[in-house]
Amino acid sequence: MAKKTSSTKAKSTDQASETPISGEKVIACEGLSLTFETADGPVQALSGIDLDIAKGEFVSLIGPSGCGKTTLLRVIADLEQPTDGSVRINSMTPNEARLKRAYGYVFQAPALYPWRTIAKNIALPLEIMGFAKEDRVERVRKGLELVNLTGFENKFPWQLSGGMQQRASIARALSFDPDLLLMDEPFGALDEIVRDKLNEQLLRLWEKTQKTVVFVTHSIPEAVFLSTKIVVMSPRPGKIHDVIACNFPKDRTLDIRETPEFLDVANRVRQGLREGHSYVD
């Protein structure tokens, strides 16, 4: 459940997700703000973020470039430090969560080492964490199967398409079985056909693993198709303008994007972006 500051009212829809969601909080942000000190003076990136994310949710952060979506994700991942407020991940600080390997992170680019095979790229976190060789081999095998890359374990990244590389990076992020998956616009650089396919595959993967996912995107259709909840952010300083729940069956396919129900939620997101002065026709 999201909480709003007095300056920004929540307008969550009356829809509730059909995906079973526990009441257990995985992420709790309260009064979260972040100001960067630059040569030109302070730049406020986030202001008064109040947001709760429950176990098993798929939450998309959407808004214009520069609104703080990625910054918020990086604060959760302990890659940026807030200047005010608090963040808790499974009741831990972001630093404690990072040290306990409580989350996997998928970047905008696959960030695979070109001199390592796909299997060895996926195994890299396991090597760093000291997993036994037999365990690494089995986890890599399961990861390849999970993202439909079985048979490509001995290929190098440059031998795979962009979409396949990104699937390998997802397998790497899940290799040590974290409860939380943080995804920073992982499909933004891919063409629409590949993106659609990966959206469907990600939805199946989320359904199978029951992970909690926080997903950054600029795409309204992508956010609506994937999410149990959409967080609409306004321009810098980034604030939560709206929180919209999605009520779609878990086994949905891309055809749902043509339904009135889907279009209604997409229009709610678009309207939220407009009201937040972040949408341009």
Protein backbone atom coordinates (compact mmCIF):
# COMPACT_ATOMS: atom_id res chain seq x y z
CA MET A 1 0.00 0.00 0.00
CA ALA A 2 1.34 3.43 -0.85
CA LYS A 3 1.21 6.39 1.49
CA LYS A 4 1.30 9.96 0.26
CA THR A 5 2.61 13.21 1.60
CA SER A 6 0.17 16.01 2.24
CA SER A 7 1.24 17.69 -1.00
CA THR A 8 0.38 14.70 -3.17
CA LYS A 9 -2.79 12.71 -2.73
CA ALA A 10 -3.04 9.06 -3.67
CA LYS A 11 -5.77 8.13 -6.09
CA SER A 12 -5.48 4.38 -6.15
CA THR A 13 -8.10 2.69 -8.24
CA ASP A 14 -10.72 0.52 -6.62
CA GLN A 15 -9.27 -2.47 -8.43
CA ALA A 16 -7.46 -5.18 -6.47
CA SER A 17 -4.97 -7.55 -8.05
CA GLU A 18 -6.04 -11.17 -8.48
CA THR A 19 -2.44 -12.22 -7.77
CA PRO A 20 -2.24 -13.55 -4.21
CA ILE A 21 -0.30 -10.91 -2.28
CA SER A 22 0.67 -11.33 1.34
CA GLY A 23 0.42 -8.50 3.81
CA GLU A 24 4.13 -8.85 4.55
CA LYS A 25 6.10 -5.73 3.61
CA VAL A 26 9.22 -6.26 1.54
CA ILE A 27 9.91 -2.55 0.94
CA ALA A 28 8.85 0.36 3.14
CA CYS A 29 9.82 3.93 2.19
CA GLU A 30 8.85 6.74 4.53
CA GLY A 31 9.48 10.43 3.88
CA LEU A 32 12.29 9.50 1.50
CA SER A 33 14.15 12.43 -0.05
CA LEU A 34 17.47 12.76 -1.83
CA THR A 35 19.40 15.86 -2.84
CA PHE A 36 22.56 15.67 -4.94
CA GLU A 37 25.28 18.24 -4.36
CA THR A 38 26.64 19.42 -7.72
CA ALA A 39 29.03 22.10 -8.93
CA ASP A 40 26.00 24.18 -9.90
CA GLY A 41 24.36 23.78 -6.52
CA PRO A 42 22.01 21.25 -4.88
CA VAL A 43 19.63 19.21 -7.09
CA GLN A 44 16.67 17.59 -5.37
CA ALA A 45 16.00 14.25 -7.06
CA LEU A 46 13.37 12.78 -4.69
CA SER A 47 10.97 14.44 -2.27
CA GLY A 48 8.74 12.88 0.39
CA ILE A 49 8.42 9.38 -1.08
CA ASP A 50 6.08 7.17 0.97
CA LEU A 51 5.66 3.71 -0.53
CA ASP A 52 5.00 0.20 0.76
CA ILE A 53 5.50 -2.86 -1.44
CA ALA A 54 4.17 -6.22 -0.26
CA LYS A 55 5.69 -9.63 -0.79
CA GLY A 56 4.85 -11.04 -4.25
CA GLU A 57 3.87 -7.73 -5.85
CA PHE A 58 5.05 -6.61 -9.28
CA VAL A 59 5.34 -2.83 -8.99
CA SER A 60 6.23 -0.60 -11.93
CA LEU A 61 7.65 2.91 -11.51
CA ILE A 62 6.70 5.13 -14.44
CA GLY A 63 7.33 8.77 -15.24
CA PRO A 64 9.39 11.06 -17.49
CA SER A 65 13.17 11.04 -17.77
CA GLY A 66 14.71 12.71 -14.76
CA CYS A 67 11.76 12.12 -12.40
CA GLY A 68 13.77 9.91 -10.05
CA LYS A 69 12.58 6.41 -11.00
CA THR A 70 16.06 4.96 -11.30
CA THR A 71 17.27 7.02 -8.35
CA LEU A 72 14.55 5.50 -6.16
CA LEU A 73 15.55 2.02 -7.34
CA ARG A 74 19.20 2.78 -6.59
CA VAL A 75 18.33 4.01 -3.08
CA ILE A 76 16.52 0.72 -2.43
CA ALA A 77 19.60 -1.12 -3.70
CA ASP A 78 21.97 0.91 -1.47
CA LEU A 79 23.65 2.45 -4.54
CA GLU A 80 22.55 5.96 -3.49
CA GLN A 81 22.12 7.34 0.02
CA PRO A 82 18.97 9.32 0.93
CA THR A 83 19.36 12.70 2.59
CA ASP A 84 16.11 12.35 4.55
CA GLY A 85 13.56 9.70 5.46
CA SER A 86 14.02 5.95 5.69
CA VAL A 87 13.97 2.77 3.60
CA ARG A 88 13.52 -0.76 4.89
CA ILE A 89 13.90 -3.98 2.92
CA ASN A 90 12.48 -6.92 4.86
CA SER A 91 12.93 -4.77 8.01
CA MET A 92 16.63 -4.23 7.17
CA THR A 93 18.43 -1.11 6.02
CA PRO A 94 19.41 -1.12 2.32
CA ASN A 95 23.03 -1.67 3.37
CA GLU A 96 22.10 -4.68 5.48
CA ALA A 97 19.93 -6.04 2.66
CA ARG A 98 22.79 -5.66 0.17
CA LEU A 99 25.25 -7.44 2.43
CA LYS A 100 22.75 -10.26 2.97
CA ARG A 101 22.21 -10.57 -0.83
CA ALA A 102 18.49 -9.87 -0.35
CA TYR A 103 17.94 -8.64 -3.89
CA GLY A 104 19.03 -9.14 -7.50
CA TYR A 105 19.55 -6.14 -9.79
CA VAL A 106 18.99 -6.06 -13.56
CA PHE A 107 20.48 -3.03 -15.31
CA GLN A 108 19.32 -1.24 -18.47
CA ALA A 109 22.09 -2.97 -20.42
CA PRO A 110 22.85 -6.69 -19.92
CA ALA A 111 26.38 -5.91 -18.60
CA LEU A 112 27.71 -9.36 -19.42
CA TYR A 113 31.46 -9.97 -19.58
CA PRO A 114 32.28 -10.69 -23.25
CA TRP A 115 35.14 -13.07 -22.40
CA ARG A 116 32.96 -15.29 -20.22
CA THR A 117 30.44 -17.78 -21.57
CA ILE A 118 26.77 -17.32 -20.72
CA ALA A 119 27.03 -20.04 -18.07
CA LYS A 120 30.05 -18.38 -16.49
CA ASN A 121 28.36 -14.96 -16.57
CA ILE A 122 25.37 -16.39 -14.72
CA ALA A 123 27.69 -18.13 -12.26
CA LEU A 124 29.68 -14.98 -11.45
CA PRO A 125 27.67 -13.92 -8.34
CA LEU A 126 27.80 -17.51 -7.11
CA GLU A 127 31.59 -17.56 -7.45
CA ILE A 128 31.88 -14.27 -5.56
CA MET A 129 29.60 -15.56 -2.79
CA GLY A 130 31.61 -18.78 -2.45
CA PHE A 131 29.04 -21.35 -3.59
CA ALA A 132 30.47 -24.83 -4.13
CA LYS A 133 31.17 -25.80 -7.75
CA GLU A 134 28.47 -28.50 -7.81
CA ASP A 135 25.91 -26.04 -6.48
CA ARG A 136 26.96 -23.41 -9.04
CA VAL A 137 26.55 -25.85 -11.90
CA GLU A 138 23.06 -26.84 -10.77
CA ARG A 139 21.95 -23.25 -10.18
CA VAL A 140 23.22 -22.20 -13.61
CA ARG A 141 21.37 -25.11 -15.19
CA LYS A 142 18.13 -24.11 -13.47
CA GLY A 143 18.66 -20.46 -14.37
CA LEU A 144 19.17 -21.24 -18.04
CA GLU A 145 16.02 -23.35 -18.02
CA LEU A 146 14.08 -20.59 -16.24
CA VAL A 147 14.84 -18.02 -18.97
CA ASN A 148 14.67 -20.48 -21.89
CA LEU A 149 18.38 -20.40 -22.68
CA THR A 150 19.18 -24.09 -22.24
CA GLY A 151 21.68 -25.05 -24.92
CA PHE A 152 23.32 -21.62 -25.00
CA GLU A 153 25.44 -22.07 -21.89
CA ASN A 154 28.72 -22.30 -23.85
CA LYS A 155 27.99 -19.34 -26.12
CA PHE A 156 29.53 -15.92 -25.56
CA PRO A 157 27.39 -12.79 -25.15
CA TRP A 158 28.33 -11.45 -28.59
CA GLN A 159 26.88 -14.62 -30.12
CA LEU A 160 23.41 -13.92 -28.67
CA SER A 161 20.76 -11.37 -29.56
CA GLY A 162 20.10 -8.40 -27.28
CA GLY A 163 16.98 -10.03 -25.91
CA MET A 164 18.80 -13.27 -25.13
CA GLN A 165 21.58 -11.34 -23.41
CA GLN A 166 19.04 -9.58 -21.21
CA ARG A 167 17.45 -12.92 -20.31
CA ALA A 168 20.90 -14.13 -19.27
CA SER A 169 21.29 -11.07 -17.05
CA ILE A 170 17.94 -11.88 -15.41
CA ALA A 171 19.12 -15.45 -14.79
CA ARG A 172 22.29 -14.03 -13.23
CA ALA A 173 20.26 -11.76 -10.92
CA LEU A 174 18.17 -14.75 -9.81
CA SER A 175 21.05 -17.23 -9.53
CA PHE A 176 21.35 -16.90 -5.74
CA ASP A 177 17.55 -16.94 -5.26
CA PRO A 178 16.90 -13.46 -3.79
CA ASP A 179 13.36 -12.63 -2.67
CA LEU A 180 13.46 -9.24 -4.38
CA LEU A 181 14.24 -8.41 -8.03
CA LEU A 182 15.04 -4.79 -8.96
CA MET A 183 14.83 -4.07 -12.71
CA ASP A 184 15.93 -0.75 -14.24
CA GLU A 185 14.17 -0.50 -17.61
CA PRO A 186 15.72 -3.77 -18.83
CA PHE A 187 13.89 -3.86 -22.18
CA GLY A 188 14.02 -0.16 -23.08
CA ALA A 189 16.68 -0.56 -25.79
CA LEU A 190 14.98 -3.48 -27.54
CA ASP A 191 12.62 -3.34 -30.51
CA GLU A 192 8.89 -3.66 -29.91
CA ILE A 193 8.56 -7.26 -31.11
CA VAL A 194 11.37 -8.51 -28.87
CA ARG A 195 10.10 -6.38 -26.00
CA ASP A 196 6.61 -7.89 -26.25
CA LYS A 197 8.05 -11.40 -26.18
CA LEU A 198 10.23 -10.65 -23.17
CA ASN A 199 7.28 -9.04 -21.36
CA GLU A 200 5.36 -12.31 -21.70
CA GLN A 201 8.38 -14.34 -20.59
CA LEU A 202 9.00 -12.09 -17.61
CA LEU A 203 5.37 -12.43 -16.55
CA ARG A 204 5.65 -16.24 -16.67
CA LEU A 205 8.93 -16.10 -14.76
CA TRP A 206 7.39 -13.88 -12.07
CA GLU A 207 4.41 -16.23 -11.77
CA LYS A 208 6.71 -19.23 -11.45
CA THR A 209 9.17 -17.75 -8.93
CA GLN A 210 6.72 -15.58 -6.93
CA LYS A 211 9.45 -12.96 -6.47
CA THR A 212 8.71 -9.38 -5.48
CA VAL A 213 9.61 -7.18 -8.46
CA VAL A 214 10.22 -3.43 -8.71
CA PHE A 215 10.39 -2.46 -12.39
CA VAL A 216 11.32 0.89 -13.95
CA THR A 217 9.78 1.73 -17.33
CA HIS A 218 8.80 4.59 -19.63
CA SER A 219 6.18 2.45 -21.40
CA ILE A 220 2.53 2.68 -20.34
CA PRO A 221 1.51 -0.60 -22.07
CA GLU A 222 4.47 -2.41 -20.49
CA ALA A 223 3.64 -1.11 -17.02
CA VAL A 224 -0.03 -2.04 -17.29
CA PHE A 225 0.65 -5.48 -18.76
CA LEU A 226 3.19 -6.53 -16.14
CA SER A 227 2.11 -4.93 -12.91
CA THR A 228 -0.04 -5.56 -9.90
CA LYS A 229 0.52 -1.90 -9.01
CA ILE A 230 1.77 1.13 -10.97
CA VAL A 231 3.47 4.07 -9.25
CA VAL A 232 3.17 7.25 -11.33
CA MET A 233 5.94 9.75 -10.58
CA SER A 234 6.00 13.49 -11.29
CA PRO A 235 9.01 15.49 -12.56
CA ARG A 236 11.96 16.50 -10.42
CA PRO A 237 11.92 16.60 -7.55
CA GLY A 238 10.47 13.14 -7.96
CA LYS A 239 7.24 12.59 -6.05
CA ILE A 240 4.56 9.90 -6.18
CA HIS A 241 1.61 11.46 -7.95
CA ASP A 242 -0.63 8.40 -8.19
CA VAL A 243 -0.78 4.69 -7.37
CA ILE A 244 -2.90 2.50 -9.65
CA ALA A 245 -3.77 -1.14 -9.00
CA CYS A 246 -4.11 -3.59 -11.90
CA ASN A 247 -6.69 -6.36 -11.77
CA PHE A 248 -5.72 -8.86 -14.46
CA PRO A 249 -5.43 -12.66 -14.32
CA LYS A 250 -1.96 -14.12 -13.88
CA ASP A 251 -2.18 -16.08 -17.13
CA ARG A 252 -2.83 -12.99 -19.27
CA THR A 253 -1.36 -12.73 -22.77
CA LEU A 254 -0.59 -9.73 -24.97
CA ASP A 255 -4.13 -9.92 -26.41
CA ILE A 256 -5.38 -8.36 -23.18
CA ARG A 257 -3.98 -5.02 -24.35
CA GLU A 258 -6.95 -4.67 -26.70
CA THR A 259 -9.57 -5.11 -23.98
CA PRO A 260 -11.57 -2.23 -22.48
CA GLU A 261 -10.30 -3.08 -19.01
CA PHE A 262 -6.67 -2.76 -20.09
CA LEU A 263 -7.31 0.47 -21.96
CA ASP A 264 -9.10 1.89 -18.92
CA VAL A 265 -6.07 1.30 -16.68
CA ALA A 266 -3.72 2.65 -19.37
CA ASN A 267 -5.85 5.80 -19.58
CA ARG A 268 -5.69 6.19 -15.80
CA VAL A 269 -1.89 6.02 -15.98
CA ARG A 270 -1.79 8.50 -18.87
CA GLN A 271 -4.08 10.86 -17.00
CA GLY A 272 -1.86 10.61 -13.93
CA LEU A 273 1.17 11.53 -16.01
CA ARG A 274 -0.68 14.50 -17.46
CA GLU A 275 -1.80 15.72 -14.07
CA GLY A 276 1.75 15.40 -12.85
CA HIS A 277 2.85 17.64 -15.73
CA SER A 278 4.95 14.82 -17.09
CA TYR A 279 3.08 13.77 -20.22
CA VAL A 280 3.45 15.47 -23.58
CA ASP A 281 1.17 14.65 -26.53
